[in-house]
Full PDB file with SEQRES, HELIX, SHEET, SSBOND, CRYST1, ORIGX, SCALE, CONECT and MASTER records, all heavy atoms in Angstrom:
SEQRES   1 A   39  GLY GLY ARG THR PHE TYR LEU ASP SER MET LYS GLY ARG          
SEQRES   2 A   39  PHE THR ILE SER ARG ASP ASN ALA LYS ASN THR LEU TYR          
SEQRES   3 A   39  LEU GLN MET ASN SER LEU LYS PRO GLU ASP THR ALA VAL          
HELIX    1 AA1 ASP A    8  MET A   10  5                                   3    
HELIX    2 AA2 PRO A   34  ASP A   36  5                                   3    
SHEET    1 AA1 2 PHE A  14  ASP A  19  0                                        
SHEET    2 AA1 2 THR A  24  MET A  29 -1                                        
CRYST1    1.000    1.000    1.000  90.00  90.00  90.00 P 1           1          
ORIGX1      1.000000  0.000000  0.000000        0.00000                         
ORIGX2      0.000000  1.000000  0.000000        0.00000                         
ORIGX3      0.000000  0.000000  1.000000        0.00000                         
SCALE1      1.000000  0.000000  0.000000        0.00000                         
SCALE2      0.000000  1.000000  0.000000        0.00000                         
SCALE3      0.000000  0.000000  1.000000        0.00000                         
ATOM      1  N   GLY A   1       0.773  -1.232   0.005  1.00  0.00           N  
ATOM      2  CA  GLY A   1       0.017  -0.002   0.023  1.00  0.00           C  
ATOM      3  C   GLY A   1       0.789   1.271  -0.009  1.00  0.00           C  
ATOM      4  O   GLY A   1       0.223   2.368   0.057  1.00  0.00           O  
ATOM      5  N   GLY A   2       2.099   1.176  -0.081  1.00  0.00           N  
ATOM      6  CA  GLY A   2       2.987   2.321  -0.010  1.00  0.00           C  
ATOM      7  C   GLY A   2       3.013   3.204  -1.238  1.00  0.00           C  
ATOM      8  O   GLY A   2       3.408   4.376  -1.163  1.00  0.00           O  
ATOM      9  N   ARG A   3       2.651   2.643  -2.381  1.00  0.00           N  
ATOM     10  CA  ARG A   3       2.670   3.379  -3.626  1.00  0.00           C  
ATOM     11  C   ARG A   3       1.318   3.229  -4.275  1.00  0.00           C  
ATOM     12  O   ARG A   3       0.681   2.178  -4.270  1.00  0.00           O  
ATOM     13  CB  ARG A   3       3.721   2.823  -4.567  1.00  0.00           C  
ATOM     14  CG  ARG A   3       5.165   2.992  -4.052  1.00  0.00           C  
ATOM     15  CD  ARG A   3       6.148   2.473  -5.084  1.00  0.00           C  
ATOM     16  NE  ARG A   3       6.150   3.310  -6.237  1.00  0.00           N  
ATOM     17  CZ  ARG A   3       6.488   2.890  -7.434  1.00  0.00           C  
ATOM     18  NH1 ARG A   3       6.835   1.627  -7.649  1.00  0.00           N  
ATOM     19  NH2 ARG A   3       6.457   3.728  -8.484  1.00  0.00           N  
ATOM     20  N   THR A   4       0.872   4.366  -4.916  1.00  0.00           N  
ATOM     21  CA  THR A   4      -0.396   4.333  -5.653  1.00  0.00           C  
ATOM     22  C   THR A   4      -0.213   5.109  -6.938  1.00  0.00           C  
ATOM     23  O   THR A   4       0.735   5.942  -7.050  1.00  0.00           O  
ATOM     24  CB  THR A   4      -1.549   4.934  -4.873  1.00  0.00           C  
ATOM     25  OG1 THR A   4      -1.203   6.298  -4.503  1.00  0.00           O  
ATOM     26  CG2 THR A   4      -1.825   4.155  -3.589  1.00  0.00           C  
ATOM     27  N   PHE A   5      -1.052   4.840  -7.912  1.00  0.00           N  
ATOM     28  CA  PHE A   5      -1.008   5.537  -9.162  1.00  0.00           C  
ATOM     29  C   PHE A   5      -2.402   5.637  -9.733  1.00  0.00           C  
ATOM     30  O   PHE A   5      -3.169   4.666  -9.583  1.00  0.00           O  
ATOM     31  CB  PHE A   5      -0.050   4.840 -10.132  1.00  0.00           C  
ATOM     32  CG  PHE A   5       0.034   5.530 -11.444  1.00  0.00           C  
ATOM     33  CD1 PHE A   5       0.829   6.701 -11.566  1.00  0.00           C  
ATOM     34  CD2 PHE A   5      -0.641   5.037 -12.576  1.00  0.00           C  
ATOM     35  CE1 PHE A   5       0.941   7.307 -12.816  1.00  0.00           C  
ATOM     36  CE2 PHE A   5      -0.520   5.686 -13.766  1.00  0.00           C  
ATOM     37  CZ  PHE A   5       0.272   6.851 -13.915  1.00  0.00           C  
ATOM     38  N   TYR A   6      -2.709   6.762 -10.386  1.00  0.00           N  
ATOM     39  CA  TYR A   6      -4.083   6.947 -10.875  1.00  0.00           C  
ATOM     40  C   TYR A   6      -4.055   7.477 -12.326  1.00  0.00           C  
ATOM     41  O   TYR A   6      -3.111   8.192 -12.706  1.00  0.00           O  
ATOM     42  CB  TYR A   6      -4.813   8.034 -10.045  1.00  0.00           C  
ATOM     43  CG  TYR A   6      -4.937   7.699  -8.551  1.00  0.00           C  
ATOM     44  CD1 TYR A   6      -3.937   8.118  -7.676  1.00  0.00           C  
ATOM     45  CD2 TYR A   6      -5.995   7.010  -8.105  1.00  0.00           C  
ATOM     46  CE1 TYR A   6      -4.028   7.817  -6.328  1.00  0.00           C  
ATOM     47  CE2 TYR A   6      -6.103   6.719  -6.735  1.00  0.00           C  
ATOM     48  CZ  TYR A   6      -5.131   7.107  -5.880  1.00  0.00           C  
ATOM     49  OH  TYR A   6      -5.241   6.837  -4.564  1.00  0.00           O  
ATOM     50  N   LEU A   7      -5.080   7.125 -13.059  1.00  0.00           N  
ATOM     51  CA  LEU A   7      -5.278   7.731 -14.306  1.00  0.00           C  
ATOM     52  C   LEU A   7      -5.466   9.242 -14.089  1.00  0.00           C  
ATOM     53  O   LEU A   7      -6.057   9.616 -13.083  1.00  0.00           O  
ATOM     54  CB  LEU A   7      -6.495   7.150 -15.000  1.00  0.00           C  
ATOM     55  CG  LEU A   7      -6.761   7.489 -16.487  1.00  0.00           C  
ATOM     56  CD1 LEU A   7      -5.686   6.896 -17.339  1.00  0.00           C  
ATOM     57  CD2 LEU A   7      -8.123   7.015 -16.879  1.00  0.00           C  
ATOM     58  N   ASP A   8      -4.983  10.066 -15.000  1.00  0.00           N  
ATOM     59  CA  ASP A   8      -5.058  11.521 -14.766  1.00  0.00           C  
ATOM     60  C   ASP A   8      -6.417  12.053 -14.442  1.00  0.00           C  
ATOM     61  O   ASP A   8      -6.593  12.886 -13.583  1.00  0.00           O  
ATOM     62  CB  ASP A   8      -4.488  12.239 -16.001  1.00  0.00           C  
ATOM     63  CG  ASP A   8      -2.986  12.148 -16.149  1.00  0.00           C  
ATOM     64  OD1 ASP A   8      -2.341  11.809 -15.126  1.00  0.00           O  
ATOM     65  OD2 ASP A   8      -2.459  12.431 -17.218  1.00  0.00           O  
ATOM     66  N   SER A   9      -7.441  11.508 -15.108  1.00  0.00           N  
ATOM     67  CA  SER A   9      -8.799  11.977 -14.884  1.00  0.00           C  
ATOM     68  C   SER A   9      -9.347  11.639 -13.536  1.00  0.00           C  
ATOM     69  O   SER A   9     -10.375  12.191 -13.061  1.00  0.00           O  
ATOM     70  CB  SER A   9      -9.726  11.472 -15.983  1.00  0.00           C  
ATOM     71  OG  SER A   9      -9.789  10.024 -15.950  1.00  0.00           O  
ATOM     72  N   MET A  10      -8.684  10.742 -12.854  1.00  0.00           N  
ATOM     73  CA  MET A  10      -9.124  10.346 -11.510  1.00  0.00           C  
ATOM     74  C   MET A  10      -8.417  11.070 -10.371  1.00  0.00           C  
ATOM     75  O   MET A  10      -8.905  11.093  -9.234  1.00  0.00           O  
ATOM     76  CB  MET A  10      -8.894   8.811 -11.314  1.00  0.00           C  
ATOM     77  CG  MET A  10      -9.219   7.965 -12.460  1.00  0.00           C  
ATOM     78  SD  MET A  10     -10.940   8.091 -12.971  1.00  0.00           S  
ATOM     79  CE  MET A  10     -10.898   6.971 -14.412  1.00  0.00           C  
ATOM     80  N   LYS A  11      -7.291  11.636 -10.652  1.00  0.00           N  
ATOM     81  CA  LYS A  11      -6.463  12.238  -9.619  1.00  0.00           C  
ATOM     82  C   LYS A  11      -7.216  13.330  -8.897  1.00  0.00           C  
ATOM     83  O   LYS A  11      -7.849  14.164  -9.515  1.00  0.00           O  
ATOM     84  CB  LYS A  11      -5.198  12.839 -10.228  1.00  0.00           C  
ATOM     85  CG  LYS A  11      -4.218  11.782 -10.722  1.00  0.00           C  
ATOM     86  CD  LYS A  11      -2.957  12.408 -11.300  1.00  0.00           C  
ATOM     87  CE  LYS A  11      -1.971  11.345 -11.772  1.00  0.00           C  
ATOM     88  NZ  LYS A  11      -0.811  11.945 -12.417  1.00  0.00           N  
ATOM     89  N   GLY A  12      -7.208  13.309  -7.598  1.00  0.00           N  
ATOM     90  CA  GLY A  12      -7.886  14.336  -6.793  1.00  0.00           C  
ATOM     91  C   GLY A  12      -9.334  13.954  -6.508  1.00  0.00           C  
ATOM     92  O   GLY A  12      -9.956  14.567  -5.630  1.00  0.00           O  
ATOM     93  N   ARG A  13      -9.878  12.943  -7.186  1.00  0.00           N  
ATOM     94  CA  ARG A  13     -11.273  12.516  -6.977  1.00  0.00           C  
ATOM     95  C   ARG A  13     -11.330  11.088  -6.437  1.00  0.00           C  
ATOM     96  O   ARG A  13     -12.207  10.811  -5.600  1.00  0.00           O  
ATOM     97  CB  ARG A  13     -12.065  12.586  -8.278  1.00  0.00           C  
ATOM     98  CG  ARG A  13     -12.178  13.987  -8.906  1.00  0.00           C  
ATOM     99  CD  ARG A  13     -13.176  14.032  -9.997  1.00  0.00           C  
ATOM    100  NE  ARG A  13     -12.862  13.120 -11.094  1.00  0.00           N  
ATOM    101  CZ  ARG A  13     -13.635  12.111 -11.479  1.00  0.00           C  
ATOM    102  NH1 ARG A  13     -14.832  11.888 -10.893  1.00  0.00           N  
ATOM    103  NH2 ARG A  13     -13.280  11.325 -12.514  1.00  0.00           N  
ATOM    104  N   PHE A  14     -10.442  10.237  -6.927  1.00  0.00           N  
ATOM    105  CA  PHE A  14     -10.464   8.836  -6.501  1.00  0.00           C  
ATOM    106  C   PHE A  14      -9.319   8.503  -5.606  1.00  0.00           C  
ATOM    107  O   PHE A  14      -8.213   9.042  -5.773  1.00  0.00           O  
ATOM    108  CB  PHE A  14     -10.432   7.910  -7.758  1.00  0.00           C  
ATOM    109  CG  PHE A  14     -11.669   7.894  -8.578  1.00  0.00           C  
ATOM    110  CD1 PHE A  14     -12.694   8.793  -8.397  1.00  0.00           C  
ATOM    111  CD2 PHE A  14     -11.771   6.964  -9.604  1.00  0.00           C  
ATOM    112  CE1 PHE A  14     -13.806   8.773  -9.208  1.00  0.00           C  
ATOM    113  CE2 PHE A  14     -12.935   6.955 -10.415  1.00  0.00           C  
ATOM    114  CZ  PHE A  14     -13.932   7.870 -10.212  1.00  0.00           C  
ATOM    115  N   THR A  15      -9.509   7.616  -4.678  1.00  0.00           N  
ATOM    116  CA  THR A  15      -8.449   7.129  -3.803  1.00  0.00           C  
ATOM    117  C   THR A  15      -8.509   5.639  -3.690  1.00  0.00           C  
ATOM    118  O   THR A  15      -9.554   5.100  -3.319  1.00  0.00           O  
ATOM    119  CB  THR A  15      -8.605   7.785  -2.411  1.00  0.00           C  
ATOM    120  OG1 THR A  15      -8.539   9.183  -2.457  1.00  0.00           O  
ATOM    121  CG2 THR A  15      -7.408   7.311  -1.522  1.00  0.00           C  
ATOM    122  N   ILE A  16      -7.407   4.975  -4.015  1.00  0.00           N  
ATOM    123  CA  ILE A  16      -7.297   3.531  -3.867  1.00  0.00           C  
ATOM    124  C   ILE A  16      -6.600   3.253  -2.506  1.00  0.00           C  
ATOM    125  O   ILE A  16      -5.640   3.946  -2.158  1.00  0.00           O  
ATOM    126  CB  ILE A  16      -6.567   2.892  -5.047  1.00  0.00           C  
ATOM    127  CG1 ILE A  16      -6.553   1.342  -4.936  1.00  0.00           C  
ATOM    128  CG2 ILE A  16      -5.081   3.397  -5.117  1.00  0.00           C  
ATOM    129  CD1 ILE A  16      -6.037   0.680  -6.185  1.00  0.00           C  
ATOM    130  N   SER A  17      -7.076   2.225  -1.823  1.00  0.00           N  
ATOM    131  CA  SER A  17      -6.481   1.906  -0.553  1.00  0.00           C  
ATOM    132  C   SER A  17      -6.716   0.393  -0.326  1.00  0.00           C  
ATOM    133  O   SER A  17      -7.508  -0.261  -1.037  1.00  0.00           O  
ATOM    134  CB  SER A  17      -7.042   2.658   0.652  1.00  0.00           C  
ATOM    135  OG  SER A  17      -8.447   2.444   0.775  1.00  0.00           O  
ATOM    136  N   ARG A  18      -5.993  -0.170   0.609  1.00  0.00           N  
ATOM    137  CA  ARG A  18      -6.183  -1.572   0.931  1.00  0.00           C  
ATOM    138  C   ARG A  18      -6.022  -1.765   2.439  1.00  0.00           C  
ATOM    139  O   ARG A  18      -5.354  -1.070   3.150  1.00  0.00           O  
ATOM    140  CB  ARG A  18      -5.166  -2.445   0.148  1.00  0.00           C  
ATOM    141  CG  ARG A  18      -3.716  -2.205   0.545  1.00  0.00           C  
ATOM    142  CD  ARG A  18      -2.745  -2.854  -0.449  1.00  0.00           C  
ATOM    143  NE  ARG A  18      -2.952  -4.334  -0.485  1.00  0.00           N  
ATOM    144  CZ  ARG A  18      -2.492  -5.120  -1.438  1.00  0.00           C  
ATOM    145  NH1 ARG A  18      -1.871  -4.600  -2.500  1.00  0.00           N  
ATOM    146  NH2 ARG A  18      -2.697  -6.426  -1.390  1.00  0.00           N  
ATOM    147  N   ASP A  19      -6.788  -2.777   2.933  1.00  0.00           N  
ATOM    148  CA  ASP A  19      -6.720  -3.199   4.294  1.00  0.00           C  
ATOM    149  C   ASP A  19      -6.357  -4.668   4.245  1.00  0.00           C  
ATOM    150  O   ASP A  19      -7.240  -5.525   4.099  1.00  0.00           O  
ATOM    151  CB  ASP A  19      -7.992  -2.929   5.024  1.00  0.00           C  
ATOM    152  CG  ASP A  19      -7.907  -3.257   6.552  1.00  0.00           C  
ATOM    153  OD1 ASP A  19      -6.998  -4.012   6.914  1.00  0.00           O  
ATOM    154  OD2 ASP A  19      -8.773  -2.705   7.282  1.00  0.00           O  
ATOM    155  N   ASN A  20      -5.109  -4.974   4.343  1.00  0.00           N  
ATOM    156  CA  ASN A  20      -4.666  -6.378   4.229  1.00  0.00           C  
ATOM    157  C   ASN A  20      -5.188  -7.267   5.396  1.00  0.00           C  
ATOM    158  O   ASN A  20      -5.428  -8.467   5.188  1.00  0.00           O  
ATOM    159  CB  ASN A  20      -3.151  -6.444   4.232  1.00  0.00           C  
ATOM    160  CG  ASN A  20      -2.557  -5.955   2.910  1.00  0.00           C  
ATOM    161  OD1 ASN A  20      -3.300  -5.693   1.947  1.00  0.00           O  
ATOM    162  ND2 ASN A  20      -1.240  -5.840   2.843  1.00  0.00           N  
ATOM    163  N   ALA A  21      -5.471  -6.663   6.531  1.00  0.00           N  
ATOM    164  CA  ALA A  21      -6.016  -7.447   7.670  1.00  0.00           C  
ATOM    165  C   ALA A  21      -7.423  -7.917   7.315  1.00  0.00           C  
ATOM    166  O   ALA A  21      -7.884  -8.937   7.806  1.00  0.00           O  
ATOM    167  CB  ALA A  21      -6.016  -6.619   8.944  1.00  0.00           C  
ATOM    168  N   LYS A  22      -8.190  -7.148   6.482  1.00  0.00           N  
ATOM    169  CA  LYS A  22      -9.523  -7.486   6.104  1.00  0.00           C  
ATOM    170  C   LYS A  22      -9.564  -8.140   4.699  1.00  0.00           C  
ATOM    171  O   LYS A  22     -10.636  -8.431   4.213  1.00  0.00           O  
ATOM    172  CB  LYS A  22     -10.406  -6.301   6.154  1.00  0.00           C  
ATOM    173  CG  LYS A  22     -10.600  -5.654   7.521  1.00  0.00           C  
ATOM    174  CD  LYS A  22     -11.521  -4.500   7.521  1.00  0.00           C  
ATOM    175  CE  LYS A  22     -11.716  -3.930   8.890  1.00  0.00           C  
ATOM    176  NZ  LYS A  22     -12.662  -2.790   8.860  1.00  0.00           N  
ATOM    177  N   ASN A  23      -8.457  -8.302   4.092  1.00  0.00           N  
ATOM    178  CA  ASN A  23      -8.337  -8.861   2.730  1.00  0.00           C  
ATOM    179  C   ASN A  23      -9.251  -8.049   1.768  1.00  0.00           C  
ATOM    180  O   ASN A  23      -9.945  -8.645   0.933  1.00  0.00           O  
ATOM    181  CB  ASN A  23      -8.776 -10.358   2.712  1.00  0.00           C  
ATOM    182  CG  ASN A  23      -7.794 -11.214   3.483  1.00  0.00           C  
ATOM    183  OD1 ASN A  23      -6.631 -10.901   3.560  1.00  0.00           O  
ATOM    184  ND2 ASN A  23      -8.296 -12.289   3.982  1.00  0.00           N  
ATOM    185  N   THR A  24      -9.158  -6.760   1.893  1.00  0.00           N  
ATOM    186  CA  THR A  24     -10.092  -5.927   1.116  1.00  0.00           C  
ATOM    187  C   THR A  24      -9.362  -4.771   0.463  1.00  0.00           C  
ATOM    188  O   THR A  24      -8.552  -4.119   1.077  1.00  0.00           O  
ATOM    189  CB  THR A  24     -11.244  -5.381   1.994  1.00  0.00           C  
ATOM    190  OG1 THR A  24     -11.910  -6.458   2.596  1.00  0.00           O  
ATOM    191  CG2 THR A  24     -12.236  -4.555   1.167  1.00  0.00           C  
ATOM    192  N   LEU A  25      -9.727  -4.512  -0.782  1.00  0.00           N  
ATOM    193  CA  LEU A  25      -9.244  -3.358  -1.558  1.00  0.00           C  
ATOM    194  C   LEU A  25     -10.415  -2.378  -1.714  1.00  0.00           C  
ATOM    195  O   LEU A  25     -11.592  -2.809  -1.791  1.00  0.00           O  
ATOM    196  CB  LEU A  25      -8.809  -3.788  -2.958  1.00  0.00           C  
ATOM    197  CG  LEU A  25      -8.423  -2.731  -3.952  1.00  0.00           C  
ATOM    198  CD1 LEU A  25      -7.055  -2.204  -3.595  1.00  0.00           C  
ATOM    199  CD2 LEU A  25      -8.453  -3.311  -5.375  1.00  0.00           C  
ATOM    200  N   TYR A  26     -10.124  -1.101  -1.672  1.00  0.00           N  
ATOM    201  CA  TYR A  26     -11.141  -0.089  -1.727  1.00  0.00           C  
ATOM    202  C   TYR A  26     -10.879   0.904  -2.848  1.00  0.00           C  
ATOM    203  O   TYR A  26      -9.728   1.123  -3.196  1.00  0.00           O  
ATOM    204  CB  TYR A  26     -11.260   0.727  -0.397  1.00  0.00           C  
ATOM    205  CG  TYR A  26     -11.572  -0.153   0.789  1.00  0.00           C  
ATOM    206  CD1 TYR A  26     -10.553  -0.548   1.662  1.00  0.00           C  
ATOM    207  CD2 TYR A  26     -12.866  -0.525   1.079  1.00  0.00           C  
ATOM    208  CE1 TYR A  26     -10.814  -1.307   2.790  1.00  0.00           C  
ATOM    209  CE2 TYR A  26     -13.159  -1.284   2.155  1.00  0.00           C  
ATOM    210  CZ  TYR A  26     -12.183  -1.670   3.016  1.00  0.00           C  
ATOM    211  OH  TYR A  26     -12.411  -2.436   4.144  1.00  0.00           O  
ATOM    212  N   LEU A  27     -11.930   1.514  -3.331  1.00  0.00           N  
ATOM    213  CA  LEU A  27     -11.812   2.654  -4.234  1.00  0.00           C  
ATOM    214  C   LEU A  27     -12.807   3.670  -3.777  1.00  0.00           C  
ATOM    215  O   LEU A  27     -14.042   3.514  -3.966  1.00  0.00           O  
ATOM    216  CB  LEU A  27     -12.063   2.283  -5.689  1.00  0.00           C  
ATOM    217  CG  LEU A  27     -11.881   3.420  -6.716  1.00  0.00           C  
ATOM    218  CD1 LEU A  27     -10.402   3.838  -6.774  1.00  0.00           C  
ATOM    219  CD2 LEU A  27     -12.355   3.003  -8.092  1.00  0.00           C  
ATOM    220  N   GLN A  28     -12.368   4.764  -3.180  1.00  0.00           N  
ATOM    221  CA  GLN A  28     -13.245   5.866  -2.775  1.00  0.00           C  
ATOM    222  C   GLN A  28     -13.350   6.796  -3.932  1.00  0.00           C  
ATOM    223  O   GLN A  28     -12.370   7.290  -4.435  1.00  0.00           O  
ATOM    224  CB  GLN A  28     -12.612   6.609  -1.544  1.00  0.00           C  
ATOM    225  CG  GLN A  28     -13.434   7.778  -1.088  1.00  0.00           C  
ATOM    226  CD  GLN A  28     -14.789   7.409  -0.561  1.00  0.00           C  
ATOM    227  OE1 GLN A  28     -14.862   6.469   0.251  1.00  0.00           O  
ATOM    228  NE2 GLN A  28     -15.864   8.076  -1.034  1.00  0.00           N  
ATOM    229  N   MET A  29     -14.565   7.037  -4.373  1.00  0.00           N  
ATOM    230  CA  MET A  29     -14.833   7.842  -5.520  1.00  0.00           C  
ATOM    231  C   MET A  29     -15.659   9.060  -5.102  1.00  0.00           C  
ATOM    232  O   MET A  29     -16.812   8.894  -4.607  1.00  0.00           O  
ATOM    233  CB  MET A  29     -15.594   7.091  -6.615  1.00  0.00           C  
ATOM    234  CG  MET A  29     -14.835   5.849  -7.054  1.00  0.00           C  
ATOM    235  SD  MET A  29     -15.689   4.969  -8.409  1.00  0.00           S  
ATOM    236  CE  MET A  29     -17.171   4.506  -7.620  1.00  0.00           C  
ATOM    237  N   ASN A  30     -15.090  10.212  -5.260  1.00  0.00           N  
ATOM    238  CA  ASN A  30     -15.793  11.497  -4.943  1.00  0.00           C  
ATOM    239  C   ASN A  30     -15.962  12.310  -6.198  1.00  0.00           C  
ATOM    240  O   ASN A  30     -15.326  12.090  -7.203  1.00  0.00           O  
ATOM    241  CB  ASN A  30     -14.989  12.271  -3.894  1.00  0.00           C  
ATOM    242  CG  ASN A  30     -14.777  11.520  -2.603  1.00  0.00           C  
ATOM    243  OD1 ASN A  30     -15.657  10.835  -2.163  1.00  0.00           O  
ATOM    244  ND2 ASN A  30     -13.618  11.698  -2.007  1.00  0.00           N  
ATOM    245  N   SER A  31     -16.852  13.331  -6.076  1.00  0.00           N  
ATOM    246  CA  SER A  31     -17.095  14.214  -7.207  1.00  0.00           C  
ATOM    247  C   SER A  31     -17.351  13.464  -8.483  1.00  0.00           C  
ATOM    248  O   SER A  31     -16.840  13.767  -9.542  1.00  0.00           O  
ATOM    249  CB  SER A  31     -15.932  15.203  -7.377  1.00  0.00           C  
ATOM    250  OG  SER A  31     -15.727  15.947  -6.209  1.00  0.00           O  
ATOM    251  N   LEU A  32     -18.201  12.459  -8.391  1.00  0.00           N  
ATOM    252  CA  LEU A  32     -18.476  11.621  -9.515  1.00  0.00           C  
ATOM    253  C   LEU A  32     -19.124  12.419 -10.685  1.00  0.00           C  
ATOM    254  O   LEU A  32     -19.934  13.332 -10.454  1.00  0.00           O  
ATOM    255  CB  LEU A  32     -19.336  10.488  -9.105  1.00  0.00           C  
ATOM    256  CG  LEU A  32     -18.632   9.396  -8.332  1.00  0.00           C  
ATOM    257  CD1 LEU A  32     -19.597   8.481  -7.578  1.00  0.00           C  
ATOM    258  CD2 LEU A  32     -17.693   8.602  -9.294  1.00  0.00           C  
ATOM    259  N   LYS A  33     -18.755  11.981 -11.893  1.00  0.00           N  
ATOM    260  CA  LYS A  33     -19.230  12.646 -13.082  1.00  0.00           C  
ATOM    261  C   LYS A  33     -19.980  11.573 -13.928  1.00  0.00           C  
ATOM    262  O   LYS A  33     -19.708  10.363 -13.825  1.00  0.00           O  
ATOM    263  CB  LYS A  33     -18.102  13.198 -13.903  1.00  0.00           C  
ATOM    264  CG  LYS A  33     -17.252  14.159 -13.150  1.00  0.00           C  
ATOM    265  CD  LYS A  33     -15.991  14.577 -14.002  1.00  0.00           C  
ATOM    266  CE  LYS A  33     -15.107  15.518 -13.193  1.00  0.00           C  
ATOM    267  NZ  LYS A  33     -13.930  15.857 -14.031  1.00  0.00           N  
ATOM    268  N   PRO A  34     -20.888  11.975 -14.767  1.00  0.00           N  
ATOM    269  CA  PRO A  34     -21.583  11.016 -15.644  1.00  0.00           C  
ATOM    270  C   PRO A  34     -20.646  10.139 -16.418  1.00  0.00           C  
ATOM    271  O   PRO A  34     -20.927   8.962 -16.662  1.00  0.00           O  
ATOM    272  CB  PRO A  34     -22.443  11.864 -16.546  1.00  0.00           C  
ATOM    273  CG  PRO A  34     -22.726  13.078 -15.714  1.00  0.00           C  
ATOM    274  CD  PRO A  34     -21.491  13.320 -14.901  1.00  0.00           C  
ATOM    275  N   GLU A  35     -19.507  10.687 -16.853  1.00  0.00           N  
ATOM    276  CA  GLU A  35     -18.523   9.907 -17.610  1.00  0.00           C  
ATOM    277  C   GLU A  35     -17.829   8.868 -16.819  1.00  0.00           C  
ATOM    278  O   GLU A  35     -17.081   8.048 -17.386  1.00  0.00           O  
ATOM    279  CB  GLU A  35     -17.484  10.842 -18.293  1.00  0.00           C  
ATOM    280  CG  GLU A  35     -16.843  11.826 -17.339  1.00  0.00           C  
ATOM    281  CD  GLU A  35     -17.482  13.207 -17.393  1.00  0.00           C  
ATOM    282  OE1 GLU A  35     -18.765  13.237 -17.394  1.00  0.00           O  
ATOM    283  OE2 GLU A  35     -16.765  14.183 -17.388  1.00  0.00           O  
ATOM    284  N   ASP A  36     -18.029   8.829 -15.456  1.00  0.00           N  
ATOM    285  CA  ASP A  36     -17.521   7.778 -14.629  1.00  0.00           C  
ATOM    286  C   ASP A  36     -18.351   6.528 -14.669  1.00  0.00           C  
ATOM    287  O   ASP A  36     -18.001   5.521 -14.110  1.00  0.00           O  
ATOM    288  CB  ASP A  36     -17.418   8.234 -13.170  1.00  0.00           C  
ATOM    289  CG  ASP A  36     -16.316   9.326 -12.985  1.00  0.00           C  
ATOM    290  OD1 ASP A  36     -15.283   9.283 -13.632  1.00  0.00           O  
ATOM    291  OD2 ASP A  36     -16.628  10.263 -12.233  1.00  0.00           O  
ATOM    292  N   THR A  37     -19.495   6.603 -15.287  1.00  0.00           N  
ATOM    293  CA  THR A  37     -20.409   5.447 -15.394  1.00  0.00           C  
ATOM    294  C   THR A  37     -19.747   4.314 -16.136  1.00  0.00           C  
ATOM    295  O   THR A  37     -19.270   4.487 -17.262  1.00  0.00           O  
ATOM    296  CB  THR A  37     -21.710   5.863 -16.179  1.00  0.00           C  
ATOM    297  OG1 THR A  37     -22.433   6.814 -15.393  1.00  0.00           O  
ATOM    298  CG2 THR A  37     -22.589   4.654 -16.357  1.00  0.00           C  
ATOM    299  N   ALA A  38     -19.670   3.166 -15.464  1.00  0.00           N  
ATOM    300  CA  ALA A  38     -19.004   2.021 -16.047  1.00  0.00           C  
ATOM    301  C   ALA A  38     -19.127   0.855 -15.044  1.00  0.00           C  
ATOM    302  O   ALA A  38     -19.588   1.049 -13.908  1.00  0.00           O  
ATOM    303  CB  ALA A  38     -17.504   2.305 -16.237  1.00  0.00           C  
ATOM    304  N   VAL A  39     -18.766  -0.334 -15.517  1.00  0.00           N  
ATOM    305  CA  VAL A  39     -18.543  -1.437 -14.603  1.00  0.00           C  
ATOM    306  C   VAL A  39     -17.157  -1.378 -14.122  1.00  0.00           C  
ATOM    307  O   VAL A  39     -16.161  -1.287 -14.874  1.00  0.00           O  
ATOM    308  CB  VAL A  39     -18.829  -2.789 -15.362  1.00  0.00           C  
ATOM    309  CG1 VAL A  39     -18.521  -3.978 -14.407  1.00  0.00           C  
ATOM    310  CG2 VAL A  39     -20.242  -2.824 -15.845  1.00  0.00           C  
TER     311      VAL A  39                                                      
MASTER        0    0    0    2    2    0    0    6  310    1    0    3          
END                                                                             
């Protein structure tokens, strides 16, 4: 979890993180835009 990288359009809006104790990866998405619509 020490290094992260984002697509330019996501920088400042999205945050990737992980909790290894919970075996879980997260993506916090803020300021969502219609163009973020996707699977």
